[in-house]
N, C-alpha and C. Protein backbone atom coordinates (compact mmCIF):
# COMPACT_ATOMS: atom_id res chain seq x y z
N MET A 1 60.68 141.44 157.28
CA MET A 1 62.24 141.94 157.14
C MET A 1 62.28 142.66 156.34
N THR A 2 63.14 143.75 155.97
CA THR A 2 63.63 144.30 155.11
C THR A 2 65.51 143.35 154.19
N LEU A 3 64.99 143.37 152.69
CA LEU A 3 65.84 141.79 151.66
C LEU A 3 67.15 143.53 151.76
N GLN A 4 68.14 142.58 151.58
CA GLN A 4 69.82 143.44 151.29
C GLN A 4 69.34 143.20 150.02
N ILE A 5 69.04 143.38 148.65
CA ILE A 5 69.57 142.75 147.75
C ILE A 5 70.30 143.93 147.10
N THR A 6 71.36 142.98 146.51
CA THR A 6 72.30 143.72 145.35
C THR A 6 72.30 143.30 144.07
N LYS A 7 71.94 144.67 143.19
CA LYS A 7 71.32 144.87 141.60
C LYS A 7 72.64 144.46 141.22
N HIS A 8 72.53 143.51 140.24
CA HIS A 8 73.95 143.77 139.06
C HIS A 8 73.96 143.90 138.32
N SER A 9 73.29 144.07 137.53
CA SER A 9 71.92 144.69 136.02
C SER A 9 71.08 144.82 136.63
N GLU A 10 70.05 145.06 135.48
CA GLU A 10 68.87 146.17 135.30
C GLU A 10 68.00 144.51 135.05
N ALA A 11 68.75 142.90 134.90
CA ALA A 11 67.48 142.08 134.66
C ALA A 11 68.18 140.80 135.97
N PHE A 12 69.47 141.18 136.54
CA PHE A 12 69.48 140.42 137.59
C PHE A 12 69.77 141.29 139.06
N SER A 13 69.64 140.65 139.93
CA SER A 13 69.72 141.31 141.33
C SER A 13 70.16 139.59 142.59
N SER A 14 70.97 139.80 143.41
CA SER A 14 71.17 138.98 144.13
C SER A 14 70.82 139.12 145.15
N CYS A 15 70.47 138.07 146.65
CA CYS A 15 70.05 138.37 148.13
C CYS A 15 70.12 137.02 149.03
N PRO A 16 70.20 137.41 150.04
CA PRO A 16 70.89 136.29 150.76
C PRO A 16 69.66 135.15 150.98
N GLN A 17 69.38 134.41 151.36
CA GLN A 17 68.16 133.37 152.07
C GLN A 17 67.21 134.27 151.79
N ILE A 18 66.04 134.06 151.35
CA ILE A 18 64.53 134.25 152.01
C ILE A 18 64.10 133.78 152.02
N SER A 19 62.04 133.55 152.50
CA SER A 19 61.11 133.32 153.36
C SER A 19 59.95 133.42 152.22
N PRO A 20 59.36 132.86 152.71
CA PRO A 20 57.92 132.75 152.10
C PRO A 20 56.81 133.96 152.56
N ASP A 21 57.43 134.13 153.05
CA ASP A 21 57.13 135.47 154.50
C ASP A 21 57.54 137.30 153.45
N ASP A 22 58.56 136.94 152.66
CA ASP A 22 59.25 137.58 151.58
C ASP A 22 58.75 138.11 150.41
N ILE A 23 58.16 137.26 149.70
CA ILE A 23 57.51 137.26 148.63
C ILE A 23 56.74 138.15 147.98
N ALA A 24 56.22 138.82 148.92
CA ALA A 24 55.00 140.01 148.84
C ALA A 24 56.18 141.35 148.40
N GLU A 25 57.06 141.46 148.96
CA GLU A 25 57.83 142.71 149.34
C GLU A 25 58.52 142.57 147.85
N ILE A 26 59.21 140.89 147.72
CA ILE A 26 59.74 141.12 146.13
C ILE A 26 58.98 141.11 145.55
N LYS A 27 57.64 140.74 145.19
CA LYS A 27 56.38 140.76 143.80
C LYS A 27 56.78 142.79 143.93
N SER A 28 57.45 143.25 144.56
CA SER A 28 56.14 144.70 145.39
C SER A 28 57.74 145.89 144.25
N LEU A 29 58.43 145.41 145.10
CA LEU A 29 60.01 145.52 144.13
C LEU A 29 59.86 144.81 142.66
N GLY A 30 59.29 144.97 142.32
CA GLY A 30 58.46 144.12 140.37
C GLY A 30 59.79 143.41 140.31
N PHE A 31 60.28 142.56 140.92
CA PHE A 31 60.72 141.11 140.41
C PHE A 31 59.65 140.18 139.60
N LYS A 32 59.70 139.35 139.02
CA LYS A 32 59.37 138.16 137.87
C LYS A 32 59.71 137.09 138.00
N THR A 33 61.22 136.98 138.55
CA THR A 33 60.98 135.20 138.55
C THR A 33 62.04 135.60 139.72
N ILE A 34 62.23 134.68 140.59
CA ILE A 34 62.68 133.70 141.33
C ILE A 34 64.56 132.72 141.24
N ILE A 35 64.99 132.71 141.00
CA ILE A 35 65.97 131.86 141.39
C ILE A 35 66.82 131.06 142.57
N ASN A 36 66.23 129.96 143.41
CA ASN A 36 66.94 129.38 144.33
C ASN A 36 68.09 128.84 143.73
N ALA A 37 69.27 129.17 144.21
CA ALA A 37 70.25 128.15 144.53
C ALA A 37 71.18 127.35 144.94
N ARG A 38 70.05 127.53 146.87
CA ARG A 38 70.81 126.49 147.63
C ARG A 38 69.98 125.35 148.37
N PRO A 39 70.83 124.44 148.62
CA PRO A 39 70.28 122.84 148.74
C PRO A 39 68.96 123.15 150.04
N ASP A 40 68.08 122.16 149.92
CA ASP A 40 67.70 122.36 150.91
C ASP A 40 68.04 121.57 151.71
N GLN A 41 67.87 122.17 153.58
CA GLN A 41 68.81 121.68 154.90
C GLN A 41 69.66 122.46 154.94
N GLU A 42 70.33 122.99 154.39
CA GLU A 42 71.88 123.50 154.11
C GLU A 42 71.68 123.84 155.31
N GLY A 43 71.17 124.78 155.74
CA GLY A 43 71.03 125.62 156.52
C GLY A 43 70.96 125.46 157.99
N GLY A 44 70.43 124.02 157.79
CA GLY A 44 68.92 123.34 159.04
C GLY A 44 68.06 123.69 158.91
N ASN A 45 67.61 123.12 160.00
CA ASN A 45 65.74 123.17 159.85
C ASN A 45 65.21 124.49 160.00
N SER A 46 66.06 125.62 160.71
CA SER A 46 65.65 126.69 160.16
C SER A 46 65.04 127.58 159.17
N GLN A 47 65.87 127.17 158.29
CA GLN A 47 66.01 127.88 156.08
C GLN A 47 64.59 126.30 156.23
N PRO A 48 64.13 127.94 154.87
CA PRO A 48 62.54 127.88 154.37
C PRO A 48 63.05 126.70 153.20
N MET A 49 62.22 125.62 153.19
CA MET A 49 62.36 124.41 152.64
C MET A 49 61.44 124.95 150.69
N SER A 50 62.39 124.84 149.98
CA SER A 50 62.58 125.35 148.63
C SER A 50 60.73 125.43 147.89
N GLU A 51 59.99 123.45 148.65
CA GLU A 51 58.56 123.51 148.32
C GLU A 51 57.87 124.96 148.34
N SER A 52 57.94 125.16 150.04
CA SER A 52 57.57 126.79 150.69
C SER A 52 57.69 127.73 150.04
N ILE A 53 59.10 127.57 149.61
CA ILE A 53 58.98 129.45 148.96
C ILE A 53 58.28 129.36 147.92
N LYS A 54 58.52 127.47 146.62
CA LYS A 54 57.75 128.28 145.84
C LYS A 54 56.63 128.68 145.40
N ALA A 55 56.08 127.44 146.35
CA ALA A 55 54.48 127.83 146.44
C ALA A 55 54.14 129.04 146.33
N ALA A 56 54.65 130.54 147.33
CA ALA A 56 54.68 131.20 147.44
C ALA A 56 54.29 132.04 146.27
N ALA A 57 55.93 131.86 145.89
CA ALA A 57 56.47 132.82 144.99
C ALA A 57 55.57 132.44 143.53
N GLU A 58 55.26 131.21 143.25
CA GLU A 58 53.63 130.33 141.96
C GLU A 58 52.38 131.65 141.84
N LYS A 59 51.70 131.22 143.94
CA LYS A 59 51.27 131.82 144.53
C LYS A 59 50.50 133.25 143.66
N ALA A 60 51.89 134.01 144.35
CA ALA A 60 52.40 135.72 144.16
C ALA A 60 52.65 135.56 142.45
N GLY A 61 52.23 134.95 141.21
CA GLY A 61 52.22 135.11 139.82
C GLY A 61 53.81 134.75 139.84
N LEU A 62 54.48 135.02 140.39
CA LEU A 62 56.55 134.72 140.01
C LEU A 62 56.63 133.28 139.21
N GLN A 63 57.37 133.77 138.72
CA GLN A 63 58.18 132.29 137.73
C GLN A 63 58.86 131.84 138.92
N TYR A 64 59.86 130.16 139.43
CA TYR A 64 61.11 129.87 139.75
C TYR A 64 61.34 128.46 139.25
N ILE A 65 62.67 128.89 139.85
CA ILE A 65 63.41 127.76 139.35
C ILE A 65 63.95 127.91 140.66
N HIS A 66 63.91 126.32 140.91
CA HIS A 66 65.19 125.35 142.41
C HIS A 66 66.65 125.01 141.89
N THR A 67 67.88 125.44 141.81
CA THR A 67 69.17 124.65 140.90
C THR A 67 69.81 125.27 141.92
N PRO A 68 69.84 124.41 143.05
CA PRO A 68 71.00 123.72 143.90
C PRO A 68 72.77 123.46 143.57
N VAL A 69 72.83 124.19 144.24
CA VAL A 69 75.09 124.46 143.71
C VAL A 69 75.36 124.61 145.38
N ILE A 70 76.30 123.22 145.68
CA ILE A 70 77.85 123.12 145.83
C ILE A 70 77.94 124.37 146.28
N PRO A 71 78.21 125.22 147.22
CA PRO A 71 79.85 126.49 147.46
C PRO A 71 81.13 126.39 146.56
N SER A 72 81.18 126.99 145.74
CA SER A 72 82.50 126.42 145.36
C SER A 72 82.27 125.45 144.46
N ASN A 73 81.13 124.93 143.74
CA ASN A 73 81.10 123.96 142.66
C ASN A 73 79.92 123.24 142.24
N ILE A 74 79.62 124.70 141.00
CA ILE A 74 78.74 124.44 140.21
C ILE A 74 79.02 123.77 139.16
N SER A 75 77.46 123.26 139.36
CA SER A 75 77.99 121.86 138.06
C SER A 75 77.95 122.78 137.05
N ALA A 76 78.25 121.18 135.16
CA ALA A 76 77.78 122.09 134.50
C ALA A 76 76.10 121.43 134.55
N ASP A 77 75.87 120.39 135.14
CA ASP A 77 73.93 120.55 134.88
C ASP A 77 73.53 121.52 135.51
N ALA A 78 73.71 122.17 136.63
CA ALA A 78 73.06 123.47 136.60
C ALA A 78 72.93 124.37 136.36
N ILE A 79 74.73 124.55 135.56
CA ILE A 79 73.81 126.12 134.41
C ILE A 79 73.06 125.56 133.89
N GLN A 80 73.42 124.68 132.95
CA GLN A 80 72.36 123.70 132.05
C GLN A 80 71.36 124.12 132.46
N ALA A 81 70.73 123.81 133.51
CA ALA A 81 69.11 123.93 133.78
C ALA A 81 68.90 125.28 134.31
N CYS A 82 69.91 125.66 134.59
CA CYS A 82 69.58 128.05 134.55
C CYS A 82 69.78 128.23 133.69
N ALA A 83 70.02 127.98 132.70
CA ALA A 83 70.51 128.17 131.31
C ALA A 83 69.17 128.03 130.61
N GLN A 84 68.64 126.88 130.37
CA GLN A 84 67.40 126.55 130.05
C GLN A 84 66.44 126.98 130.39
N PHE A 85 66.36 127.38 131.12
CA PHE A 85 65.03 127.90 132.37
C PHE A 85 65.64 129.75 131.80
N LEU A 86 66.35 129.95 132.01
CA LEU A 86 66.19 131.77 131.82
C LEU A 86 66.28 132.54 130.10
N THR A 87 65.93 131.25 129.78
CA THR A 87 65.46 131.26 127.72
C THR A 87 64.18 131.75 127.85
N SER A 88 63.17 131.16 128.95
CA SER A 88 61.35 131.73 129.22
C SER A 88 61.52 132.69 130.35
N ALA A 89 62.23 133.07 131.17
CA ALA A 89 61.95 133.47 132.05
C ALA A 89 62.09 134.99 131.89
N PRO A 90 60.73 135.35 132.77
CA PRO A 90 60.94 136.67 132.40
C PRO A 90 61.84 138.00 133.32
N THR A 91 61.59 138.86 133.46
CA THR A 91 63.12 139.69 133.87
C THR A 91 62.72 141.22 134.33
N PRO A 92 62.65 141.88 135.95
CA PRO A 92 64.13 141.45 136.36
C PRO A 92 63.94 140.00 137.00
N ILE A 93 65.00 139.54 137.74
CA ILE A 93 65.02 138.71 138.39
C ILE A 93 66.30 138.33 139.77
N LEU A 94 65.26 138.01 141.05
CA LEU A 94 66.02 137.23 142.23
C LEU A 94 66.46 136.47 142.28
N GLY A 95 67.82 136.17 142.31
CA GLY A 95 68.44 135.30 142.62
C GLY A 95 68.98 135.39 144.28
N PHE A 96 68.94 134.17 144.83
CA PHE A 96 69.54 133.57 145.68
C PHE A 96 70.15 132.34 146.68
N CYS A 97 70.61 133.26 147.47
CA CYS A 97 70.92 131.46 148.07
C CYS A 97 72.23 132.14 149.85
N LYS A 98 72.69 131.17 150.79
CA LYS A 98 72.67 131.71 151.73
C LYS A 98 73.60 133.43 151.33
N THR A 99 74.65 133.54 150.28
CA THR A 99 74.59 135.14 151.03
C THR A 99 74.64 135.66 149.46
N GLY A 100 73.87 134.74 148.37
CA GLY A 100 73.64 135.33 147.03
C GLY A 100 74.50 135.44 146.55
N MET A 101 75.42 135.00 146.26
CA MET A 101 76.77 135.12 145.68
C MET A 101 76.36 134.31 145.07
N ARG A 102 77.20 132.14 144.91
CA ARG A 102 76.17 131.44 144.39
C ARG A 102 75.12 131.79 143.48
N ALA A 103 73.45 131.98 143.96
CA ALA A 103 73.59 132.26 143.00
C ALA A 103 73.36 133.34 141.69
N ASN A 104 74.44 134.48 141.99
CA ASN A 104 74.72 135.32 141.13
C ASN A 104 76.15 134.53 140.32
N ASN A 105 76.26 133.34 140.73
CA ASN A 105 77.64 132.89 139.64
C ASN A 105 76.54 132.33 139.22
N LEU A 106 75.85 131.64 139.42
CA LEU A 106 74.99 130.60 138.82
C LEU A 106 73.75 130.94 137.27
N TYR A 107 73.96 132.44 137.85
CA TYR A 107 73.47 133.12 136.60
C TYR A 107 74.45 133.65 135.52
N GLN A 108 75.61 134.08 136.27
CA GLN A 108 76.17 134.59 135.13
C GLN A 108 76.98 133.44 134.35
N SER A 109 76.83 131.66 134.95
CA SER A 109 77.20 131.46 133.95
C SER A 109 76.49 130.83 132.93
N ALA A 110 74.90 131.30 133.78
CA ALA A 110 74.51 130.27 132.70
C ALA A 110 74.08 131.68 131.41
N GLN A 111 74.27 132.61 131.73
CA GLN A 111 74.41 133.20 130.71
C GLN A 111 75.33 134.10 129.75
N LYS A 112 76.47 133.38 130.03
CA LYS A 112 77.92 132.85 128.78
C LYS A 112 77.26 131.74 128.33
N LEU A 113 76.61 130.09 129.30
CA LEU A 113 76.36 129.53 128.18
C LEU A 113 75.51 129.85 126.59
N ASN A 114 73.46 130.25 127.45
CA ASN A 114 73.13 131.40 126.38
C ASN A 114 73.92 132.04 125.17
N ALA A 115 74.57 132.98 125.97
CA ALA A 115 75.32 133.59 124.32
C ALA A 115 76.48 132.68 123.70
N GLY A 116 77.29 132.16 124.19
CA GLY A 116 77.23 130.80 123.53
C GLY A 116 76.77 130.21 122.48
N HIS A 117 75.67 129.70 122.72
CA HIS A 117 74.67 128.93 121.90
C HIS A 117 74.28 130.11 121.10
N SER A 118 74.22 131.04 121.65
CA SER A 118 73.96 132.20 120.71
C SER A 118 75.12 132.78 119.58
N THR A 119 76.21 132.63 119.87
CA THR A 119 76.86 133.12 118.78
C THR A 119 77.23 131.83 117.84
N ALA A 120 77.71 130.38 119.02
CA ALA A 120 77.86 128.95 118.10
C ALA A 120 76.30 129.17 116.83
N SER A 121 75.44 130.14 116.83
CA SER A 121 74.25 129.22 115.95
C SER A 121 73.99 130.61 114.73
N GLN A 122 75.26 132.35 115.52
CA GLN A 122 75.10 133.16 114.33
C GLN A 122 76.38 132.69 113.72
N ASN A 123 77.78 132.02 114.32
CA ASN A 123 78.73 131.69 113.52
C ASN A 123 77.65 130.38 111.97
N TRP A 124 77.28 129.30 112.78
CA TRP A 124 76.82 128.59 111.98
C TRP A 124 75.95 129.41 110.50
N LEU A 125 75.07 130.60 110.65
CA LEU A 125 74.02 130.78 110.14
C LEU A 125 75.63 131.95 109.00
N SER A 126 76.10 132.79 109.74
CA SER A 126 77.36 133.07 108.69
C SER A 126 77.79 132.08 107.88
N GLN A 127 78.21 130.83 108.24
CA GLN A 127 79.26 129.71 107.30
C GLN A 127 78.11 129.96 106.04
N LYS A 128 77.10 129.66 106.91
CA LYS A 128 75.51 129.13 105.50
C LYS A 128 76.11 129.84 104.63
N ILE A 129 75.27 131.23 104.87
CA ILE A 129 75.06 131.80 103.60
C ILE A 129 76.43 132.63 103.47
N SER A 130 77.24 132.52 103.54
CA SER A 130 78.75 132.14 102.95
C SER A 130 78.63 131.24 102.01
N ASP A 131 78.53 129.72 101.63
CA ASP A 131 79.08 128.63 101.51
C ASP A 131 77.72 128.75 100.28
N PHE A 132 76.40 129.21 100.29
CA PHE A 132 75.27 129.98 99.49
C PHE A 132 76.32 130.59 98.38
N PHE A 133 76.47 131.49 98.85
CA PHE A 133 77.12 132.54 97.77
C PHE A 133 78.56 132.30 96.90
N ARG A 134 79.59 131.98 97.75
CA ARG A 134 80.56 131.20 97.51
C ARG A 134 79.49 130.05 96.21
N ASN A 135 78.52 128.96 96.60
CA ASN A 135 78.62 127.56 95.20
C ASN A 135 77.93 128.64 94.33
N LYS A 136 77.25 129.80 94.36
CA LYS A 136 76.94 130.39 93.53
C LYS A 136 77.59 131.67 92.21
N CYS A 137 78.39 131.40 93.06
CA CYS A 137 79.41 132.32 92.55
C CYS A 137 80.60 130.82 91.34
N LEU A 138 80.27 130.08 91.76
CA LEU A 138 80.90 129.30 91.59
C LEU A 138 79.88 128.74 90.19
N LEU A 139 79.28 128.01 90.22
CA LEU A 139 78.21 128.04 89.48
C LEU A 139 77.83 129.38 88.26
N THR A 140 77.83 130.23 88.95
CA THR A 140 77.74 131.61 87.96
C THR A 140 79.05 131.84 86.41
N LYS A 141 79.89 131.54 87.67
CA LYS A 141 81.36 131.06 86.52
C LYS A 141 81.44 129.63 85.40
N LEU A 142 81.16 128.67 85.68
CA LEU A 142 80.65 127.20 85.33
C LEU A 142 79.41 127.82 84.23
N TYR A 143 78.23 128.23 84.58
CA TYR A 143 76.98 128.74 83.56
C TYR A 143 78.00 129.27 83.13
N ARG A 144 78.77 130.83 82.69
CA ARG A 144 79.35 131.63 82.16
C ARG A 144 80.68 130.66 80.58
N LYS A 145 81.23 130.50 80.95
CA LYS A 145 81.99 129.78 80.84
C LYS A 145 81.78 128.44 79.38
N LEU A 146 80.98 127.39 80.20
CA LEU A 146 80.09 127.05 79.30
C LEU A 146 79.27 127.67 78.16
N HIS A 147 78.34 128.83 78.79
CA HIS A 147 77.44 130.11 77.91
C HIS A 147 78.63 129.89 76.82
N LYS A 148 79.80 130.09 77.28
CA LYS A 148 80.40 130.76 75.99
C LYS A 148 81.39 130.11 75.43
N SER A 149 81.48 129.07 75.37
CA SER A 149 81.89 127.50 74.70
C SER A 149 80.98 127.29 73.55
N ASN A 150 79.75 127.65 74.58
CA ASN A 150 78.73 126.61 73.32
C ASN A 150 78.45 127.98 72.30
N ALA A 151 78.52 128.99 71.64
CA ALA A 151 78.18 130.15 71.28
C ALA A 151 79.04 130.28 70.56
């Protein structure tokens, strides 16, 4: 079976439901990580279970995360779990669900969350540096003023 993959960026692509038999093709295409955004049994008994896909992926040396989400209702917990996973996940990443859309939305939301944490950290550091120099300038002025009055 040839996978219908949609490339969203150099780091992320998505596709509809995969099976353990697709893992060799996924690996040959250069993917290093798989994100499964589809709940088990959503498609009935014909849908492969996450554990069987995970076993095949890990046997092939790929990273794997199962973060099941309900269509049009990606929870904050799912986004947080995916965001944490992405901090160490090798790229490129292939996300999948029934159509690929949920997987893409989950990935994009997790990326935004990680970017927000990065921005917050940068803002905190900038503030600390600014505070340090402001305080240093005040101390320098105070020292000079005291030094002048003692002279």
